[in-house]
Amino acid sequence: TPGLIAGILGHPYASVVTKVRLEEGLLL
């Protein structure tokens, strides 16, 4: 479902994420 949502919305997608950082407007 999340990958399908990303595709429908036209957003980039990543799965099995263990850590999220926001730096200068970009996600790492």
mmCIF file of all heavy atoms, coordinates in Angstrom:
data_MODEL
# 
_entry.id   MODEL 
# 
loop_
_atom_site.group_PDB 
_atom_site.id 
_atom_site.type_symbol 
_atom_site.label_atom_id 
_atom_site.label_alt_id 
_atom_site.label_comp_id 
_atom_site.label_asym_id 
_atom_site.label_entity_id 
_atom_site.label_seq_id 
_atom_site.pdbx_PDB_ins_code 
_atom_site.Cartn_x 
_atom_site.Cartn_y 
_atom_site.Cartn_z 
_atom_site.occupancy 
_atom_site.B_iso_or_equiv 
_atom_site.pdbx_formal_charge 
_atom_site.auth_seq_id 
_atom_site.auth_comp_id 
_atom_site.auth_asym_id 
_atom_site.auth_atom_id 
_atom_site.pdbx_PDB_model_num 
ATOM 1   N N   . THR A 1 1  ? 0.798  -1.223 0.000  1.00 0.00 ? 1  THR A N   1 
ATOM 2   C CA  . THR A 1 1  ? 0.000  0.000  0.000  1.00 0.00 ? 1  THR A CA  1 
ATOM 3   C C   . THR A 1 1  ? 0.833  1.277  0.000  1.00 0.00 ? 1  THR A C   1 
ATOM 4   O O   . THR A 1 1  ? 0.557  2.175  -0.799 1.00 0.00 ? 1  THR A O   1 
ATOM 5   C CB  . THR A 1 1  ? -1.014 -0.015 1.161  1.00 0.00 ? 1  THR A CB  1 
ATOM 6   O OG1 . THR A 1 1  ? -1.745 -1.251 1.110  1.00 0.00 ? 1  THR A OG1 1 
ATOM 7   C CG2 . THR A 1 1  ? -1.975 1.143  1.072  1.00 0.00 ? 1  THR A CG2 1 
ATOM 8   N N   . PRO A 1 2  ? 1.847  1.429  0.853  1.00 0.00 ? 2  PRO A N   1 
ATOM 9   C CA  . PRO A 1 2  ? 2.608  2.694  0.827  1.00 0.00 ? 2  PRO A CA  1 
ATOM 10  C C   . PRO A 1 2  ? 3.282  2.970  -0.507 1.00 0.00 ? 2  PRO A C   1 
ATOM 11  O O   . PRO A 1 2  ? 3.304  4.110  -0.973 1.00 0.00 ? 2  PRO A O   1 
ATOM 12  C CB  . PRO A 1 2  ? 3.639  2.537  1.944  1.00 0.00 ? 2  PRO A CB  1 
ATOM 13  C CG  . PRO A 1 2  ? 3.243  1.343  2.714  1.00 0.00 ? 2  PRO A CG  1 
ATOM 14  C CD  . PRO A 1 2  ? 2.307  0.534  1.898  1.00 0.00 ? 2  PRO A CD  1 
ATOM 15  N N   . GLY A 1 3  ? 3.816  1.949  -1.147 1.00 0.00 ? 3  GLY A N   1 
ATOM 16  C CA  . GLY A 1 3  ? 4.433  2.142  -2.457 1.00 0.00 ? 3  GLY A CA  1 
ATOM 17  C C   . GLY A 1 3  ? 3.416  2.556  -3.511 1.00 0.00 ? 3  GLY A C   1 
ATOM 18  O O   . GLY A 1 3  ? 3.700  3.394  -4.367 1.00 0.00 ? 3  GLY A O   1 
ATOM 19  N N   . LEU A 1 4  ? 2.221  1.972  -3.435 1.00 0.00 ? 4  LEU A N   1 
ATOM 20  C CA  . LEU A 1 4  ? 1.155  2.365  -4.353 1.00 0.00 ? 4  LEU A CA  1 
ATOM 21  C C   . LEU A 1 4  ? 0.751  3.817  -4.119 1.00 0.00 ? 4  LEU A C   1 
ATOM 22  O O   . LEU A 1 4  ? 0.544  4.570  -5.069 1.00 0.00 ? 4  LEU A O   1 
ATOM 23  C CB  . LEU A 1 4  ? -0.056 1.444  -4.202 1.00 0.00 ? 4  LEU A CB  1 
ATOM 24  C CG  . LEU A 1 4  ? 0.129  0.003  -4.668 1.00 0.00 ? 4  LEU A CG  1 
ATOM 25  C CD1 . LEU A 1 4  ? -1.078 -0.842 -4.281 1.00 0.00 ? 4  LEU A CD1 1 
ATOM 26  C CD2 . LEU A 1 4  ? 0.377  -0.052 -6.159 1.00 0.00 ? 4  LEU A CD2 1 
ATOM 27  N N   . ILE A 1 5  ? 0.633  4.203  -2.842 1.00 0.00 ? 5  ILE A N   1 
ATOM 28  C CA  . ILE A 1 5  ? 0.282  5.593  -2.508 1.00 0.00 ? 5  ILE A CA  1 
ATOM 29  C C   . ILE A 1 5  ? 1.330  6.539  -3.097 1.00 0.00 ? 5  ILE A C   1 
ATOM 30  O O   . ILE A 1 5  ? 0.988  7.549  -3.709 1.00 0.00 ? 5  ILE A O   1 
ATOM 31  C CB  . ILE A 1 5  ? 0.148  5.780  -0.982 1.00 0.00 ? 5  ILE A CB  1 
ATOM 32  C CG1 . ILE A 1 5  ? -1.093 5.044  -0.471 1.00 0.00 ? 5  ILE A CG1 1 
ATOM 33  C CG2 . ILE A 1 5  ? 0.096  7.259  -0.610 1.00 0.00 ? 5  ILE A CG2 1 
ATOM 34  C CD1 . ILE A 1 5  ? -1.177 4.961  1.049  1.00 0.00 ? 5  ILE A CD1 1 
ATOM 35  N N   . ALA A 1 6  ? 2.597  6.202  -2.922 1.00 0.00 ? 6  ALA A N   1 
ATOM 36  C CA  . ALA A 1 6  ? 3.673  7.038  -3.468 1.00 0.00 ? 6  ALA A CA  1 
ATOM 37  C C   . ALA A 1 6  ? 3.542  7.161  -4.982 1.00 0.00 ? 6  ALA A C   1 
ATOM 38  O O   . ALA A 1 6  ? 3.670  8.261  -5.539 1.00 0.00 ? 6  ALA A O   1 
ATOM 39  C CB  . ALA A 1 6  ? 5.035  6.451  -3.101 1.00 0.00 ? 6  ALA A CB  1 
ATOM 40  N N   . GLY A 1 7  ? 3.279  6.056  -5.653 1.00 0.00 ? 7  GLY A N   1 
ATOM 41  C CA  . GLY A 1 7  ? 3.132  6.088  -7.102 1.00 0.00 ? 7  GLY A CA  1 
ATOM 42  C C   . GLY A 1 7  ? 1.962  6.940  -7.546 1.00 0.00 ? 7  GLY A C   1 
ATOM 43  O O   . GLY A 1 7  ? 2.074  7.728  -8.493 1.00 0.00 ? 7  GLY A O   1 
ATOM 44  N N   . ILE A 1 8  ? 0.840  6.817  -6.847 1.00 0.00 ? 8  ILE A N   1 
ATOM 45  C CA  . ILE A 1 8  ? -0.349 7.599  -7.192 1.00 0.00 ? 8  ILE A CA  1 
ATOM 46  C C   . ILE A 1 8  ? -0.087 9.089  -6.982 1.00 0.00 ? 8  ILE A C   1 
ATOM 47  O O   . ILE A 1 8  ? -0.492 9.918  -7.794 1.00 0.00 ? 8  ILE A O   1 
ATOM 48  C CB  . ILE A 1 8  ? -1.569 7.119  -6.367 1.00 0.00 ? 8  ILE A CB  1 
ATOM 49  C CG1 . ILE A 1 8  ? -1.955 5.691  -6.790 1.00 0.00 ? 8  ILE A CG1 1 
ATOM 50  C CG2 . ILE A 1 8  ? -2.750 8.071  -6.523 1.00 0.00 ? 8  ILE A CG2 1 
ATOM 51  C CD1 . ILE A 1 8  ? -2.893 4.995  -5.818 1.00 0.00 ? 8  ILE A CD1 1 
ATOM 52  N N   . LEU A 1 9  ? 0.593  9.417  -5.879 1.00 0.00 ? 9  LEU A N   1 
ATOM 53  C CA  . LEU A 1 9  ? 0.874  10.820 -5.564 1.00 0.00 ? 9  LEU A CA  1 
ATOM 54  C C   . LEU A 1 9  ? 2.056  11.369 -6.374 1.00 0.00 ? 9  LEU A C   1 
ATOM 55  O O   . LEU A 1 9  ? 2.272  12.580 -6.408 1.00 0.00 ? 9  LEU A O   1 
ATOM 56  C CB  . LEU A 1 9  ? 1.166  10.986 -4.073 1.00 0.00 ? 9  LEU A CB  1 
ATOM 57  C CG  . LEU A 1 9  ? 0.014  10.711 -3.110 1.00 0.00 ? 9  LEU A CG  1 
ATOM 58  C CD1 . LEU A 1 9  ? 0.496  10.786 -1.666 1.00 0.00 ? 9  LEU A CD1 1 
ATOM 59  C CD2 . LEU A 1 9  ? -1.140 11.676 -3.346 1.00 0.00 ? 9  LEU A CD2 1 
ATOM 60  N N   . GLY A 1 10 ? 2.854  10.495 -6.975 1.00 0.00 ? 10 GLY A N   1 
ATOM 61  C CA  . GLY A 1 10 ? 4.041  10.938 -7.702 1.00 0.00 ? 10 GLY A CA  1 
ATOM 62  C C   . GLY A 1 10 ? 5.180  11.337 -6.784 1.00 0.00 ? 10 GLY A C   1 
ATOM 63  O O   . GLY A 1 10 ? 6.033  12.152 -7.158 1.00 0.00 ? 10 GLY A O   1 
ATOM 64  N N   . HIS A 1 11 ? 5.223  10.748 -5.579 1.00 0.00 ? 11 HIS A N   1 
ATOM 65  C CA  . HIS A 1 11 ? 6.275  11.051 -4.606 1.00 0.00 ? 11 HIS A CA  1 
ATOM 66  C C   . HIS A 1 11 ? 7.339  9.953  -4.616 1.00 0.00 ? 11 HIS A C   1 
ATOM 67  O O   . HIS A 1 11 ? 7.028  8.788  -4.861 1.00 0.00 ? 11 HIS A O   1 
ATOM 68  C CB  . HIS A 1 11 ? 5.690  11.115 -3.190 1.00 0.00 ? 11 HIS A CB  1 
ATOM 69  C CG  . HIS A 1 11 ? 4.713  12.213 -2.950 1.00 0.00 ? 11 HIS A CG  1 
ATOM 70  N ND1 . HIS A 1 11 ? 4.539  13.298 -3.784 1.00 0.00 ? 11 HIS A ND1 1 
ATOM 71  C CD2 . HIS A 1 11 ? 3.835  12.407 -1.926 1.00 0.00 ? 11 HIS A CD2 1 
ATOM 72  C CE1 . HIS A 1 11 ? 3.602  14.096 -3.290 1.00 0.00 ? 11 HIS A CE1 1 
ATOM 73  N NE2 . HIS A 1 11 ? 3.158  13.579 -2.174 1.00 0.00 ? 11 HIS A NE2 1 
ATOM 74  N N   . PRO A 1 12 ? 8.595  10.292 -4.278 1.00 0.00 ? 12 PRO A N   1 
ATOM 75  C CA  . PRO A 1 12 ? 9.603  9.253  -4.088 1.00 0.00 ? 12 PRO A CA  1 
ATOM 76  C C   . PRO A 1 12 ? 9.227  8.377  -2.899 1.00 0.00 ? 12 PRO A C   1 
ATOM 77  O O   . PRO A 1 12 ? 8.516  8.821  -1.988 1.00 0.00 ? 12 PRO A O   1 
ATOM 78  C CB  . PRO A 1 12 ? 10.894 10.028 -3.836 1.00 0.00 ? 12 PRO A CB  1 
ATOM 79  C CG  . PRO A 1 12 ? 10.498 11.413 -3.520 1.00 0.00 ? 12 PRO A CG  1 
ATOM 80  C CD  . PRO A 1 12 ? 9.122  11.633 -4.061 1.00 0.00 ? 12 PRO A CD  1 
ATOM 81  N N   . TYR A 1 13 ? 9.732  7.140  -2.917 1.00 0.00 ? 13 TYR A N   1 
ATOM 82  C CA  . TYR A 1 13 ? 9.349  6.157  -1.898 1.00 0.00 ? 13 TYR A CA  1 
ATOM 83  C C   . TYR A 1 13 ? 10.566 5.354  -1.463 1.00 0.00 ? 13 TYR A C   1 
ATOM 84  O O   . TYR A 1 13 ? 11.402 4.977  -2.288 1.00 0.00 ? 13 TYR A O   1 
ATOM 85  C CB  . TYR A 1 13 ? 8.279  5.227  -2.473 1.00 0.00 ? 13 TYR A CB  1 
ATOM 86  C CG  . TYR A 1 13 ? 7.962  4.028  -1.623 1.00 0.00 ? 13 TYR A CG  1 
ATOM 87  C CD1 . TYR A 1 13 ? 7.347  4.173  -0.388 1.00 0.00 ? 13 TYR A CD1 1 
ATOM 88  C CD2 . TYR A 1 13 ? 8.275  2.747  -2.052 1.00 0.00 ? 13 TYR A CD2 1 
ATOM 89  C CE1 . TYR A 1 13 ? 7.046  3.072  0.392  1.00 0.00 ? 13 TYR A CE1 1 
ATOM 90  C CE2 . TYR A 1 13 ? 7.979  1.633  -1.281 1.00 0.00 ? 13 TYR A CE2 1 
ATOM 91  C CZ  . TYR A 1 13 ? 7.367  1.809  -0.062 1.00 0.00 ? 13 TYR A CZ  1 
ATOM 92  O OH  . TYR A 1 13 ? 7.070  0.719  0.719  1.00 0.00 ? 13 TYR A OH  1 
ATOM 93  N N   . ALA A 1 14 ? 10.633 5.074  -0.164 1.00 0.00 ? 14 ALA A N   1 
ATOM 94  C CA  . ALA A 1 14 ? 11.647 4.165  0.375  1.00 0.00 ? 14 ALA A CA  1 
ATOM 95  C C   . ALA A 1 14 ? 10.974 3.237  1.374  1.00 0.00 ? 14 ALA A C   1 
ATOM 96  O O   . ALA A 1 14 ? 10.116 3.667  2.157  1.00 0.00 ? 14 ALA A O   1 
ATOM 97  C CB  . ALA A 1 14 ? 12.775 4.939  1.046  1.00 0.00 ? 14 ALA A CB  1 
ATOM 98  N N   . SER A 1 15 ? 11.377 1.973  1.344  1.00 0.00 ? 15 SER A N   1 
ATOM 99  C CA  . SER A 1 15 ? 10.797 0.981  2.258  1.00 0.00 ? 15 SER A CA  1 
ATOM 100 C C   . SER A 1 15 ? 11.849 0.475  3.229  1.00 0.00 ? 15 SER A C   1 
ATOM 101 O O   . SER A 1 15 ? 13.045 0.678  3.031  1.00 0.00 ? 15 SER A O   1 
ATOM 102 C CB  . SER A 1 15 ? 10.207 -0.181 1.466  1.00 0.00 ? 15 SER A CB  1 
ATOM 103 O OG  . SER A 1 15 ? 11.222 -0.831 0.738  1.00 0.00 ? 15 SER A OG  1 
ATOM 104 N N   . VAL A 1 16 ? 11.385 -0.202 4.261  1.00 0.00 ? 16 VAL A N   1 
ATOM 105 C CA  . VAL A 1 16 ? 12.226 -0.779 5.304  1.00 0.00 ? 16 VAL A CA  1 
ATOM 106 C C   . VAL A 1 16 ? 13.192 0.280  5.843  1.00 0.00 ? 16 VAL A C   1 
ATOM 107 O O   . VAL A 1 16 ? 14.391 0.087  5.937  1.00 0.00 ? 16 VAL A O   1 
ATOM 108 C CB  . VAL A 1 16 ? 12.963 -2.056 4.824  1.00 0.00 ? 16 VAL A CB  1 
ATOM 109 C CG1 . VAL A 1 16 ? 13.494 -2.840 6.022  1.00 0.00 ? 16 VAL A CG1 1 
ATOM 110 C CG2 . VAL A 1 16 ? 12.060 -2.957 3.986  1.00 0.00 ? 16 VAL A CG2 1 
ATOM 111 N N   . VAL A 1 17 ? 12.621 1.416  6.212  1.00 0.00 ? 17 VAL A N   1 
ATOM 112 C CA  . VAL A 1 17 ? 13.385 2.560  6.709  1.00 0.00 ? 17 VAL A CA  1 
ATOM 113 C C   . VAL A 1 17 ? 13.629 2.387  8.201  1.00 0.00 ? 17 VAL A C   1 
ATOM 114 O O   . VAL A 1 17 ? 12.701 2.136  8.972  1.00 0.00 ? 17 VAL A O   1 
ATOM 115 C CB  . VAL A 1 17 ? 12.626 3.876  6.415  1.00 0.00 ? 17 VAL A CB  1 
ATOM 116 C CG1 . VAL A 1 17 ? 13.289 5.059  7.103  1.00 0.00 ? 17 VAL A CG1 1 
ATOM 117 C CG2 . VAL A 1 17 ? 12.522 4.088  4.916  1.00 0.00 ? 17 VAL A CG2 1 
ATOM 118 N N   . THR A 1 18 ? 14.885 2.530  8.609  1.00 0.00 ? 18 THR A N   1 
ATOM 119 C CA  . THR A 1 18 ? 15.240 2.382  10.016 1.00 0.00 ? 18 THR A CA  1 
ATOM 120 C C   . THR A 1 18 ? 15.622 3.698  10.683 1.00 0.00 ? 18 THR A C   1 
ATOM 121 O O   . THR A 1 18 ? 15.658 3.787  11.901 1.00 0.00 ? 18 THR A O   1 
ATOM 122 C CB  . THR A 1 18 ? 16.416 1.388  10.175 1.00 0.00 ? 18 THR A CB  1 
ATOM 123 O OG1 . THR A 1 18 ? 17.533 1.863  9.413  1.00 0.00 ? 18 THR A OG1 1 
ATOM 124 C CG2 . THR A 1 18 ? 16.015 0.002  9.692  1.00 0.00 ? 18 THR A CG2 1 
ATOM 125 N N   . LYS A 1 19 ? 15.919 4.722  9.869  1.00 0.00 ? 19 LYS A N   1 
ATOM 126 C CA  . LYS A 1 19 ? 16.313 6.019  10.428 1.00 0.00 ? 19 LYS A CA  1 
ATOM 127 C C   . LYS A 1 19 ? 16.022 7.103  9.402  1.00 0.00 ? 19 LYS A C   1 
ATOM 128 O O   . LYS A 1 19 ? 16.254 6.909  8.210  1.00 0.00 ? 19 LYS A O   1 
ATOM 129 C CB  . LYS A 1 19 ? 17.799 6.019  10.785 1.00 0.00 ? 19 LYS A CB  1 
ATOM 130 C CG  . LYS A 1 19 ? 18.289 7.250  11.487 1.00 0.00 ? 19 LYS A CG  1 
ATOM 131 C CD  . LYS A 1 19 ? 19.743 7.101  11.891 1.00 0.00 ? 19 LYS A CD  1 
ATOM 132 C CE  . LYS A 1 19 ? 20.253 8.319  12.614 1.00 0.00 ? 19 LYS A CE  1 
ATOM 133 N NZ  . LYS A 1 19 ? 21.669 8.176  12.988 1.00 0.00 ? 19 LYS A NZ  1 
ATOM 134 N N   . VAL A 1 20 ? 15.521 8.243  9.905  1.00 0.00 ? 20 VAL A N   1 
ATOM 135 C CA  . VAL A 1 20 ? 15.194 9.371  9.025  1.00 0.00 ? 20 VAL A CA  1 
ATOM 136 C C   . VAL A 1 20 ? 15.835 10.625 9.592  1.00 0.00 ? 20 VAL A C   1 
ATOM 137 O O   . VAL A 1 20 ? 15.692 10.918 10.777 1.00 0.00 ? 20 VAL A O   1 
ATOM 138 C CB  . VAL A 1 20 ? 13.661 9.587  8.938  1.00 0.00 ? 20 VAL A CB  1 
ATOM 139 C CG1 . VAL A 1 20 ? 13.334 10.727 7.996  1.00 0.00 ? 20 VAL A CG1 1 
ATOM 140 C CG2 . VAL A 1 20 ? 12.949 8.317  8.527  1.00 0.00 ? 20 VAL A CG2 1 
ATOM 141 N N   . ARG A 1 21 ? 16.555 11.367 8.720  1.00 0.00 ? 21 ARG A N   1 
ATOM 142 C CA  . ARG A 1 21 ? 17.129 12.649 9.119  1.00 0.00 ? 21 ARG A CA  1 
ATOM 143 C C   . ARG A 1 21 ? 16.757 13.681 8.066  1.00 0.00 ? 21 ARG A C   1 
ATOM 144 O O   . ARG A 1 21 ? 16.711 13.382 6.874  1.00 0.00 ? 21 ARG A O   1 
ATOM 145 C CB  . ARG A 1 21 ? 18.657 12.556 9.226  1.00 0.00 ? 21 ARG A CB  1 
ATOM 146 C CG  . ARG A 1 21 ? 19.124 11.631 10.313 1.00 0.00 ? 21 ARG A CG  1 
ATOM 147 C CD  . ARG A 1 21 ? 20.646 11.536 10.400 1.00 0.00 ? 21 ARG A CD  1 
ATOM 148 N NE  . ARG A 1 21 ? 21.385 11.347 9.163  1.00 0.00 ? 21 ARG A NE  1 
ATOM 149 C CZ  . ARG A 1 21 ? 21.556 10.181 8.540  1.00 0.00 ? 21 ARG A CZ  1 
ATOM 150 N NH1 . ARG A 1 21 ? 21.004 9.089  9.009  1.00 0.00 ? 21 ARG A NH1 1 
ATOM 151 N NH2 . ARG A 1 21 ? 22.287 10.097 7.435  1.00 0.00 ? 21 ARG A NH2 1 
ATOM 152 N N   . LEU A 1 22 ? 16.536 14.885 8.515  1.00 0.00 ? 22 LEU A N   1 
ATOM 153 C CA  . LEU A 1 22 ? 16.245 15.984 7.606  1.00 0.00 ? 22 LEU A CA  1 
ATOM 154 C C   . LEU A 1 22 ? 17.428 16.940 7.663  1.00 0.00 ? 22 LEU A C   1 
ATOM 155 O O   . LEU A 1 22 ? 17.789 17.432 8.737  1.00 0.00 ? 22 LEU A O   1 
ATOM 156 C CB  . LEU A 1 22 ? 14.958 16.698 8.037  1.00 0.00 ? 22 LEU A CB  1 
ATOM 157 C CG  . LEU A 1 22 ? 14.480 17.835 7.156  1.00 0.00 ? 22 LEU A CG  1 
ATOM 158 C CD1 . LEU A 1 22 ? 14.071 17.300 5.788  1.00 0.00 ? 22 LEU A CD1 1 
ATOM 159 C CD2 . LEU A 1 22 ? 13.308 18.540 7.813  1.00 0.00 ? 22 LEU A CD2 1 
ATOM 160 N N   . GLU A 1 23 ? 18.050 17.184 6.508  1.00 0.00 ? 23 GLU A N   1 
ATOM 161 C CA  . GLU A 1 23 ? 19.191 18.085 6.429  1.00 0.00 ? 23 GLU A CA  1 
ATOM 162 C C   . GLU A 1 23 ? 19.042 18.978 5.211  1.00 0.00 ? 23 GLU A C   1 
ATOM 163 O O   . GLU A 1 23 ? 18.988 18.478 4.081  1.00 0.00 ? 23 GLU A O   1 
ATOM 164 C CB  . GLU A 1 23 ? 20.504 17.288 6.351  1.00 0.00 ? 23 GLU A CB  1 
ATOM 165 C CG  . GLU A 1 23 ? 20.798 16.507 7.618  1.00 0.00 ? 23 GLU A CG  1 
ATOM 166 C CD  . GLU A 1 23 ? 22.110 15.755 7.545  1.00 0.00 ? 23 GLU A CD  1 
ATOM 167 O OE1 . GLU A 1 23 ? 22.901 15.961 6.592  1.00 0.00 ? 23 GLU A OE1 1 
ATOM 168 O OE2 . GLU A 1 23 ? 22.354 14.947 8.455  1.00 0.00 ? 23 GLU A OE2 1 
ATOM 169 N N   . GLU A 1 24 ? 18.971 20.277 5.451  1.00 0.00 ? 24 GLU A N   1 
ATOM 170 C CA  . GLU A 1 24 ? 18.894 21.275 4.384  1.00 0.00 ? 24 GLU A CA  1 
ATOM 171 C C   . GLU A 1 24 ? 17.760 20.983 3.400  1.00 0.00 ? 24 GLU A C   1 
ATOM 172 O O   . GLU A 1 24 ? 17.924 21.058 2.189  1.00 0.00 ? 24 GLU A O   1 
ATOM 173 C CB  . GLU A 1 24 ? 20.239 21.372 3.654  1.00 0.00 ? 24 GLU A CB  1 
ATOM 174 C CG  . GLU A 1 24 ? 21.370 21.789 4.568  1.00 0.00 ? 24 GLU A CG  1 
ATOM 175 C CD  . GLU A 1 24 ? 22.721 21.751 3.872  1.00 0.00 ? 24 GLU A CD  1 
ATOM 176 O OE1 . GLU A 1 24 ? 22.768 21.728 2.629  1.00 0.00 ? 24 GLU A OE1 1 
ATOM 177 O OE2 . GLU A 1 24 ? 23.726 21.744 4.591  1.00 0.00 ? 24 GLU A OE2 1 
ATOM 178 N N   . GLY A 1 25 ? 16.607 20.591 3.941  1.00 0.00 ? 25 GLY A N   1 
ATOM 179 C CA  . GLY A 1 25 ? 15.432 20.353 3.113  1.00 0.00 ? 25 GLY A CA  1 
ATOM 180 C C   . GLY A 1 25 ? 15.398 19.011 2.400  1.00 0.00 ? 25 GLY A C   1 
ATOM 181 O O   . GLY A 1 25 ? 14.478 18.737 1.641  1.00 0.00 ? 25 GLY A O   1 
ATOM 182 N N   . LEU A 1 26 ? 16.405 18.183 2.616  1.00 0.00 ? 26 LEU A N   1 
ATOM 183 C CA  . LEU A 1 26 ? 16.437 16.843 2.017  1.00 0.00 ? 26 LEU A CA  1 
ATOM 184 C C   . LEU A 1 26 ? 16.347 15.788 3.110  1.00 0.00 ? 26 LEU A C   1 
ATOM 185 O O   . LEU A 1 26 ? 16.829 15.988 4.224  1.00 0.00 ? 26 LEU A O   1 
ATOM 186 C CB  . LEU A 1 26 ? 17.730 16.632 1.235  1.00 0.00 ? 26 LEU A CB  1 
ATOM 187 C CG  . LEU A 1 26 ? 17.924 17.454 -0.027 1.00 0.00 ? 26 LEU A CG  1 
ATOM 188 C CD1 . LEU A 1 26 ? 19.325 17.229 -0.586 1.00 0.00 ? 26 LEU A CD1 1 
ATOM 189 C CD2 . LEU A 1 26 ? 16.875 17.103 -1.071 1.00 0.00 ? 26 LEU A CD2 1 
ATOM 190 N N   . LEU A 1 27 ? 15.768 14.654 2.766  1.00 0.00 ? 27 LEU A N   1 
ATOM 191 C CA  . LEU A 1 27 ? 15.734 13.522 3.687  1.00 0.00 ? 27 LEU A CA  1 
ATOM 192 C C   . LEU A 1 27 ? 16.949 12.643 3.453  1.00 0.00 ? 27 LEU A C   1 
ATOM 193 O O   . LEU A 1 27 ? 17.303 12.360 2.304  1.00 0.00 ? 27 LEU A O   1 
ATOM 194 C CB  . LEU A 1 27 ? 14.496 12.659 3.425  1.00 0.00 ? 27 LEU A CB  1 
ATOM 195 C CG  . LEU A 1 27 ? 13.152 13.154 3.888  1.00 0.00 ? 27 LEU A CG  1 
ATOM 196 C CD1 . LEU A 1 27 ? 12.071 12.187 3.432  1.00 0.00 ? 27 LEU A CD1 1 
ATOM 197 C CD2 . LEU A 1 27 ? 13.110 13.317 5.380  1.00 0.00 ? 27 LEU A CD2 1 
ATOM 198 N N   . LEU A 1 28 ? 17.566 12.222 4.529  1.00 0.00 ? 28 LEU A N   1 
ATOM 199 C CA  . LEU A 1 28 ? 18.573 11.170 4.481  1.00 0.00 ? 28 LEU A CA  1 
ATOM 200 C C   . LEU A 1 28 ? 17.942 9.978  5.187  1.00 0.00 ? 28 LEU A C   1 
ATOM 201 O O   . LEU A 1 28 ? 17.615 10.051 6.375  1.00 0.00 ? 28 LEU A O   1 
ATOM 202 C CB  . LEU A 1 28 ? 19.861 11.591 5.164  1.00 0.00 ? 28 LEU A CB  1 
ATOM 203 C CG  . LEU A 1 28 ? 20.623 12.720 4.478  1.00 0.00 ? 28 LEU A CG  1 
ATOM 204 C CD1 . LEU A 1 28 ? 21.844 13.129 5.284  1.00 0.00 ? 28 LEU A CD1 1 
ATOM 205 C CD2 . LEU A 1 28 ? 21.030 12.310 3.070  1.00 0.00 ? 28 LEU A CD2 1 
# 
